[in-house]
């Protein structure tokens, strides 16, 4: 199991991608089309055309992890639409759980932090 932490750099590919690509295809895509090193430890996020699934690719120093999430109901509720959108670990986790970064829905509630202050989402 890989854990998404605040220390991870996250690169989200905005356009939908052909999900027939496996690890080797995504590694090649990162190198050739995105001009990014897939060996950097960066988490690369991709969505399919219908918005029903997300793939994450990350290298952990010994090999690649490829995570694939297919939504059991509906489609992805939020995916960045332009490259300037900042994605941090928290925002990625919210997106993967059908939320929208910066907006709490009825399914999400703020939890107090260790210093007993409420969390804020910007």
N, C-alpha and C. Protein backbone atom coordinates (compact mmCIF):
# COMPACT_ATOMS: atom_id res chain seq x y z
N UNK A 1 0.85 -1.17 0.00
CA UNK A 1 0.00 0.00 0.00
C UNK A 1 0.89 1.23 0.00
N UNK A 2 0.54 2.18 -0.82
CA UNK A 2 1.28 3.45 -0.87
C UNK A 2 0.43 4.51 -0.18
N UNK A 3 1.07 5.37 0.56
CA UNK A 3 0.37 6.44 1.25
C UNK A 3 0.67 7.76 0.56
N UNK A 4 -0.37 8.54 0.34
CA UNK A 4 -0.21 9.87 -0.26
C UNK A 4 0.05 10.84 0.88
N UNK A 5 1.21 11.49 0.84
CA UNK A 5 1.60 12.39 1.92
C UNK A 5 1.78 13.81 1.41
N UNK A 6 1.80 14.79 2.31
CA UNK A 6 2.03 16.17 1.88
C UNK A 6 3.38 16.38 1.20
N UNK A 7 4.33 15.48 1.43
CA UNK A 7 5.65 15.62 0.81
C UNK A 7 5.67 15.19 -0.65
N UNK A 8 4.66 14.47 -1.11
CA UNK A 8 4.62 14.04 -2.50
C UNK A 8 4.36 15.23 -3.43
N UNK A 9 5.06 15.23 -4.54
CA UNK A 9 4.72 16.14 -5.63
C UNK A 9 3.65 15.42 -6.44
N UNK A 10 2.66 16.16 -6.88
CA UNK A 10 1.53 15.55 -7.60
C UNK A 10 1.39 16.26 -8.94
N UNK A 11 1.34 15.46 -9.99
CA UNK A 11 1.19 15.97 -11.36
C UNK A 11 -0.10 15.37 -11.90
N UNK A 12 -1.08 16.21 -12.18
CA UNK A 12 -2.37 15.75 -12.70
C UNK A 12 -2.42 16.07 -14.19
N UNK A 13 -2.64 15.03 -14.99
CA UNK A 13 -2.81 15.23 -16.43
C UNK A 13 -4.26 15.63 -16.66
N UNK A 14 -4.48 16.79 -17.24
CA UNK A 14 -5.81 17.36 -17.36
C UNK A 14 -6.70 16.60 -18.35
N UNK A 15 -6.15 16.27 -19.50
CA UNK A 15 -6.92 15.62 -20.56
C UNK A 15 -7.15 14.13 -20.25
N UNK A 16 -8.29 13.57 -20.66
CA UNK A 16 -8.52 12.14 -20.47
C UNK A 16 -7.48 11.31 -21.21
N UNK A 17 -7.23 10.10 -20.71
CA UNK A 17 -6.20 9.23 -21.26
C UNK A 17 -6.79 7.86 -21.56
N UNK A 18 -6.27 7.19 -22.57
CA UNK A 18 -6.66 5.83 -22.91
C UNK A 18 -6.23 4.90 -21.77
N UNK A 19 -7.19 4.28 -21.09
CA UNK A 19 -6.87 3.46 -19.93
C UNK A 19 -6.43 2.04 -20.28
N UNK A 20 -6.18 1.77 -21.54
CA UNK A 20 -5.57 0.48 -21.88
C UNK A 20 -4.09 0.50 -21.56
N UNK A 21 -3.54 1.69 -21.29
CA UNK A 21 -2.13 1.81 -20.93
C UNK A 21 -1.90 1.22 -19.55
N UNK A 22 -0.85 0.42 -19.44
CA UNK A 22 -0.42 -0.11 -18.15
C UNK A 22 0.77 0.69 -17.66
N UNK A 23 1.56 0.09 -16.77
CA UNK A 23 2.71 0.78 -16.20
C UNK A 23 3.67 1.25 -17.28
N UNK A 24 4.08 0.34 -18.18
CA UNK A 24 5.06 0.73 -19.21
C UNK A 24 4.54 1.83 -20.12
N UNK A 25 3.27 1.75 -20.50
CA UNK A 25 2.68 2.77 -21.35
C UNK A 25 2.61 4.13 -20.66
N UNK A 26 2.27 4.12 -19.37
CA UNK A 26 2.21 5.39 -18.63
C UNK A 26 3.59 5.96 -18.36
N UNK A 27 4.57 5.11 -18.09
CA UNK A 27 5.95 5.57 -17.91
C UNK A 27 6.42 6.26 -19.20
N UNK A 28 6.18 5.61 -20.33
CA UNK A 28 6.55 6.20 -21.62
C UNK A 28 5.81 7.50 -21.88
N UNK A 29 4.53 7.57 -21.52
CA UNK A 29 3.73 8.78 -21.69
C UNK A 29 4.32 9.92 -20.86
N UNK A 30 4.68 9.63 -19.61
CA UNK A 30 5.27 10.66 -18.74
C UNK A 30 6.57 11.18 -19.32
N UNK A 31 7.41 10.28 -19.82
CA UNK A 31 8.71 10.68 -20.36
C UNK A 31 8.58 11.41 -21.69
N UNK A 32 7.81 10.85 -22.61
CA UNK A 32 7.77 11.36 -23.98
C UNK A 32 6.78 12.49 -24.20
N UNK A 33 5.61 12.41 -23.63
CA UNK A 33 4.57 13.41 -23.88
C UNK A 33 4.56 14.53 -22.84
N UNK A 34 4.85 14.18 -21.58
CA UNK A 34 4.80 15.18 -20.52
C UNK A 34 6.16 15.76 -20.18
N UNK A 35 7.23 15.16 -20.71
CA UNK A 35 8.61 15.56 -20.42
C UNK A 35 8.87 15.59 -18.91
N UNK A 36 8.35 14.60 -18.21
CA UNK A 36 8.52 14.46 -16.77
C UNK A 36 9.20 13.13 -16.47
N UNK A 37 9.98 13.08 -15.40
CA UNK A 37 10.62 11.83 -15.01
C UNK A 37 9.69 11.02 -14.11
N UNK A 38 9.26 9.86 -14.55
CA UNK A 38 8.40 9.02 -13.71
C UNK A 38 9.17 8.38 -12.56
N UNK A 39 10.50 8.51 -12.55
CA UNK A 39 11.34 7.94 -11.49
C UNK A 39 11.59 8.93 -10.35
N UNK A 40 10.92 10.06 -10.36
CA UNK A 40 11.18 11.13 -9.40
C UNK A 40 10.44 10.96 -8.08
N UNK A 41 9.49 10.04 -8.01
CA UNK A 41 8.65 9.90 -6.82
C UNK A 41 7.39 10.73 -6.90
N UNK A 42 7.24 11.49 -7.98
CA UNK A 42 6.02 12.27 -8.21
C UNK A 42 4.86 11.32 -8.44
N UNK A 43 3.69 11.69 -7.92
CA UNK A 43 2.47 10.94 -8.19
C UNK A 43 1.85 11.54 -9.45
N UNK A 44 1.65 10.70 -10.47
CA UNK A 44 1.03 11.13 -11.72
C UNK A 44 -0.41 10.64 -11.72
N UNK A 45 -1.35 11.56 -11.92
CA UNK A 45 -2.77 11.22 -11.93
C UNK A 45 -3.36 11.35 -13.32
N UNK A 46 -4.19 10.37 -13.67
CA UNK A 46 -4.84 10.33 -14.98
C UNK A 46 -6.30 9.95 -14.80
N UNK A 47 -7.16 10.43 -15.68
CA UNK A 47 -8.57 10.02 -15.68
C UNK A 47 -8.92 9.45 -17.04
N UNK A 48 -9.94 8.60 -17.07
CA UNK A 48 -10.37 8.05 -18.36
C UNK A 48 -11.35 8.99 -19.04
N UNK A 49 -11.71 8.67 -20.27
CA UNK A 49 -12.55 9.55 -21.08
C UNK A 49 -13.93 9.74 -20.47
N UNK A 50 -14.53 8.69 -19.95
CA UNK A 50 -15.88 8.78 -19.39
C UNK A 50 -15.91 9.37 -17.99
N UNK A 51 -14.75 9.51 -17.36
CA UNK A 51 -14.70 10.04 -16.01
C UNK A 51 -15.15 9.05 -14.96
N UNK A 52 -15.11 7.76 -15.30
CA UNK A 52 -15.55 6.73 -14.36
C UNK A 52 -14.39 6.10 -13.60
N UNK A 53 -13.15 6.48 -13.93
CA UNK A 53 -11.99 5.87 -13.29
C UNK A 53 -10.80 6.82 -13.27
N UNK A 54 -9.91 6.56 -12.32
CA UNK A 54 -8.68 7.33 -12.15
C UNK A 54 -7.54 6.35 -11.98
N UNK A 55 -6.37 6.68 -12.56
CA UNK A 55 -5.15 5.91 -12.34
C UNK A 55 -4.09 6.82 -11.75
N UNK A 56 -3.35 6.29 -10.77
CA UNK A 56 -2.21 6.99 -10.20
C UNK A 56 -0.98 6.14 -10.40
N UNK A 57 0.10 6.76 -10.87
CA UNK A 57 1.37 6.08 -11.09
C UNK A 57 2.42 6.76 -10.22
N UNK A 58 3.20 5.95 -9.48
CA UNK A 58 4.27 6.51 -8.65
C UNK A 58 5.40 5.49 -8.53
N UNK A 59 6.62 5.99 -8.53
CA UNK A 59 7.80 5.16 -8.33
C UNK A 59 8.26 5.33 -6.89
N UNK A 60 8.48 4.22 -6.18
CA UNK A 60 8.84 4.29 -4.76
C UNK A 60 10.31 4.02 -4.47
N UNK A 61 11.14 3.95 -5.50
CA UNK A 61 12.56 3.68 -5.33
C UNK A 61 12.94 2.26 -5.66
N UNK A 62 11.96 1.35 -5.61
CA UNK A 62 12.23 -0.05 -5.96
C UNK A 62 11.36 -0.55 -7.10
N UNK A 63 10.33 0.21 -7.42
CA UNK A 63 9.42 -0.20 -8.48
C UNK A 63 8.26 0.76 -8.59
N UNK A 64 7.41 0.51 -9.57
CA UNK A 64 6.25 1.37 -9.81
C UNK A 64 5.01 0.80 -9.15
N UNK A 65 4.21 1.70 -8.62
CA UNK A 65 2.86 1.39 -8.15
C UNK A 65 1.90 1.96 -9.18
N UNK A 66 0.91 1.18 -9.57
CA UNK A 66 -0.16 1.67 -10.43
C UNK A 66 -1.47 1.40 -9.70
N UNK A 67 -2.12 2.47 -9.31
CA UNK A 67 -3.39 2.37 -8.61
C UNK A 67 -4.50 2.75 -9.57
N UNK A 68 -5.54 1.96 -9.57
CA UNK A 68 -6.68 2.19 -10.47
C UNK A 68 -7.93 2.21 -9.61
N UNK A 69 -8.66 3.30 -9.64
CA UNK A 69 -9.94 3.38 -8.93
C UNK A 69 -11.04 3.57 -9.94
N UNK A 70 -12.01 2.64 -9.91
CA UNK A 70 -13.22 2.77 -10.73
C UNK A 70 -14.36 3.09 -9.78
N UNK A 71 -15.08 4.15 -10.07
CA UNK A 71 -16.16 4.58 -9.19
C UNK A 71 -17.36 3.64 -9.31
N UNK A 72 -17.88 3.21 -8.19
CA UNK A 72 -18.98 2.25 -8.20
C UNK A 72 -20.29 2.89 -8.64
N UNK A 73 -20.42 4.20 -8.41
CA UNK A 73 -21.62 4.90 -8.85
C UNK A 73 -21.23 6.23 -9.47
N UNK A 74 -21.72 6.46 -10.65
CA UNK A 74 -21.51 7.74 -11.29
C UNK A 74 -20.11 7.96 -11.84
N UNK A 75 -19.81 9.22 -12.03
CA UNK A 75 -18.53 9.61 -12.61
C UNK A 75 -17.79 10.54 -11.65
N UNK A 76 -16.56 10.79 -11.97
CA UNK A 76 -15.71 11.68 -11.19
C UNK A 76 -16.38 13.04 -11.08
N UNK A 77 -16.57 13.54 -9.88
CA UNK A 77 -17.27 14.81 -9.70
C UNK A 77 -16.39 16.02 -9.97
N UNK A 78 -15.09 15.86 -9.78
CA UNK A 78 -14.21 17.00 -10.01
C UNK A 78 -12.88 16.52 -10.58
N UNK A 79 -12.41 17.23 -11.58
CA UNK A 79 -11.07 17.04 -12.13
C UNK A 79 -10.62 18.40 -12.61
N UNK A 80 -9.39 18.80 -12.33
CA UNK A 80 -8.95 20.13 -12.75
C UNK A 80 -9.14 20.34 -14.26
N UNK A 81 -9.49 21.55 -14.62
CA UNK A 81 -9.73 21.84 -16.04
C UNK A 81 -8.60 22.64 -16.68
N UNK A 82 -7.67 23.13 -15.86
CA UNK A 82 -6.54 23.86 -16.44
C UNK A 82 -5.29 23.62 -15.59
N UNK A 83 -4.16 23.75 -16.25
CA UNK A 83 -2.88 23.36 -15.66
C UNK A 83 -2.48 24.18 -14.44
N UNK A 84 -3.06 25.35 -14.25
CA UNK A 84 -2.65 26.17 -13.12
C UNK A 84 -3.30 25.75 -11.81
N UNK A 85 -4.21 24.78 -11.86
CA UNK A 85 -4.86 24.31 -10.65
C UNK A 85 -3.84 23.63 -9.74
N UNK A 86 -3.77 24.09 -8.49
CA UNK A 86 -2.81 23.52 -7.55
C UNK A 86 -3.44 22.29 -6.89
N UNK A 87 -2.72 21.21 -6.92
CA UNK A 87 -3.19 19.97 -6.30
C UNK A 87 -2.19 19.57 -5.23
N UNK A 88 -2.68 19.42 -4.03
CA UNK A 88 -1.85 18.92 -2.93
C UNK A 88 -2.41 17.56 -2.52
N UNK A 89 -1.75 16.90 -1.60
CA UNK A 89 -2.17 15.56 -1.17
C UNK A 89 -3.62 15.56 -0.68
N UNK A 90 -3.98 16.55 0.11
CA UNK A 90 -5.35 16.62 0.64
C UNK A 90 -6.36 16.75 -0.49
N UNK A 91 -6.08 17.64 -1.44
CA UNK A 91 -7.01 17.83 -2.56
C UNK A 91 -7.14 16.55 -3.39
N UNK A 92 -6.04 15.84 -3.60
CA UNK A 92 -6.11 14.59 -4.36
C UNK A 92 -6.98 13.57 -3.64
N UNK A 93 -6.83 13.44 -2.36
CA UNK A 93 -7.63 12.48 -1.59
C UNK A 93 -9.11 12.88 -1.64
N UNK A 94 -9.40 14.17 -1.53
CA UNK A 94 -10.79 14.64 -1.63
C UNK A 94 -11.36 14.28 -3.00
N UNK A 95 -10.58 14.53 -4.07
CA UNK A 95 -11.03 14.22 -5.43
C UNK A 95 -11.30 12.72 -5.59
N UNK A 96 -10.42 11.89 -5.05
CA UNK A 96 -10.58 10.43 -5.18
C UNK A 96 -11.76 9.91 -4.40
N UNK A 97 -12.26 10.71 -3.47
CA UNK A 97 -13.43 10.32 -2.68
C UNK A 97 -14.67 11.11 -3.08
N UNK A 98 -14.68 11.56 -4.34
CA UNK A 98 -15.82 12.21 -4.97
C UNK A 98 -16.17 13.57 -4.38
N UNK A 99 -15.20 14.24 -3.78
CA UNK A 99 -15.43 15.59 -3.30
C UNK A 99 -14.81 16.60 -4.23
N UNK A 100 -15.04 17.86 -3.92
CA UNK A 100 -14.42 18.94 -4.69
C UNK A 100 -13.56 19.74 -3.73
N UNK A 101 -12.27 19.86 -4.04
CA UNK A 101 -11.39 20.63 -3.15
C UNK A 101 -11.93 22.03 -2.89
N UNK A 102 -11.91 22.42 -1.63
CA UNK A 102 -12.37 23.75 -1.26
C UNK A 102 -13.85 23.84 -0.94
N UNK A 103 -14.58 22.77 -1.20
CA UNK A 103 -16.02 22.77 -0.91
C UNK A 103 -16.36 21.52 -0.12
N UNK A 104 -16.92 21.70 1.05
CA UNK A 104 -17.36 20.56 1.85
C UNK A 104 -18.79 20.23 1.45
N UNK A 105 -19.02 18.97 1.11
CA UNK A 105 -20.37 18.53 0.79
C UNK A 105 -20.95 17.88 2.04
N UNK A 106 -22.18 17.43 1.95
CA UNK A 106 -22.82 16.78 3.09
C UNK A 106 -22.10 15.50 3.49
N UNK A 107 -21.34 14.91 2.56
CA UNK A 107 -20.61 13.68 2.86
C UNK A 107 -19.30 13.95 3.60
N UNK A 108 -18.87 15.21 3.62
CA UNK A 108 -17.60 15.58 4.25
C UNK A 108 -17.88 16.51 5.41
N UNK A 109 -17.09 16.38 6.44
CA UNK A 109 -17.17 17.32 7.55
C UNK A 109 -15.76 17.62 8.02
N UNK A 110 -15.56 18.82 8.49
CA UNK A 110 -14.25 19.21 8.99
C UNK A 110 -13.99 18.53 10.32
N UNK A 111 -12.77 18.08 10.51
CA UNK A 111 -12.35 17.49 11.77
C UNK A 111 -11.41 18.46 12.46
N UNK A 112 -11.43 18.48 13.78
CA UNK A 112 -10.50 19.37 14.47
C UNK A 112 -9.07 18.90 14.28
N UNK A 113 -8.16 19.85 14.21
CA UNK A 113 -6.74 19.50 14.09
C UNK A 113 -6.20 19.21 15.48
N UNK A 114 -4.93 18.88 15.57
CA UNK A 114 -4.32 18.55 16.85
C UNK A 114 -4.31 19.73 17.81
N UNK A 115 -4.45 20.94 17.29
CA UNK A 115 -4.48 22.12 18.17
C UNK A 115 -5.91 22.61 18.41
N UNK A 116 -6.89 21.73 18.15
CA UNK A 116 -8.31 21.99 18.41
C UNK A 116 -8.90 23.13 17.60
N UNK A 117 -8.31 23.45 16.50
CA UNK A 117 -8.89 24.45 15.60
C UNK A 117 -9.50 23.72 14.42
N UNK A 118 -10.57 24.26 13.87
CA UNK A 118 -11.19 23.64 12.71
C UNK A 118 -10.31 23.76 11.49
N UNK A 119 -10.46 22.84 10.58
CA UNK A 119 -9.69 22.88 9.33
C UNK A 119 -10.36 23.88 8.39
N UNK A 120 -9.57 24.54 7.60
CA UNK A 120 -10.12 25.42 6.59
C UNK A 120 -9.67 24.92 5.23
N UNK A 121 -10.54 25.05 4.26
CA UNK A 121 -10.24 24.61 2.90
C UNK A 121 -10.26 25.83 2.02
N UNK A 122 -9.16 26.03 1.29
CA UNK A 122 -9.11 27.20 0.40
C UNK A 122 -8.82 26.74 -1.00
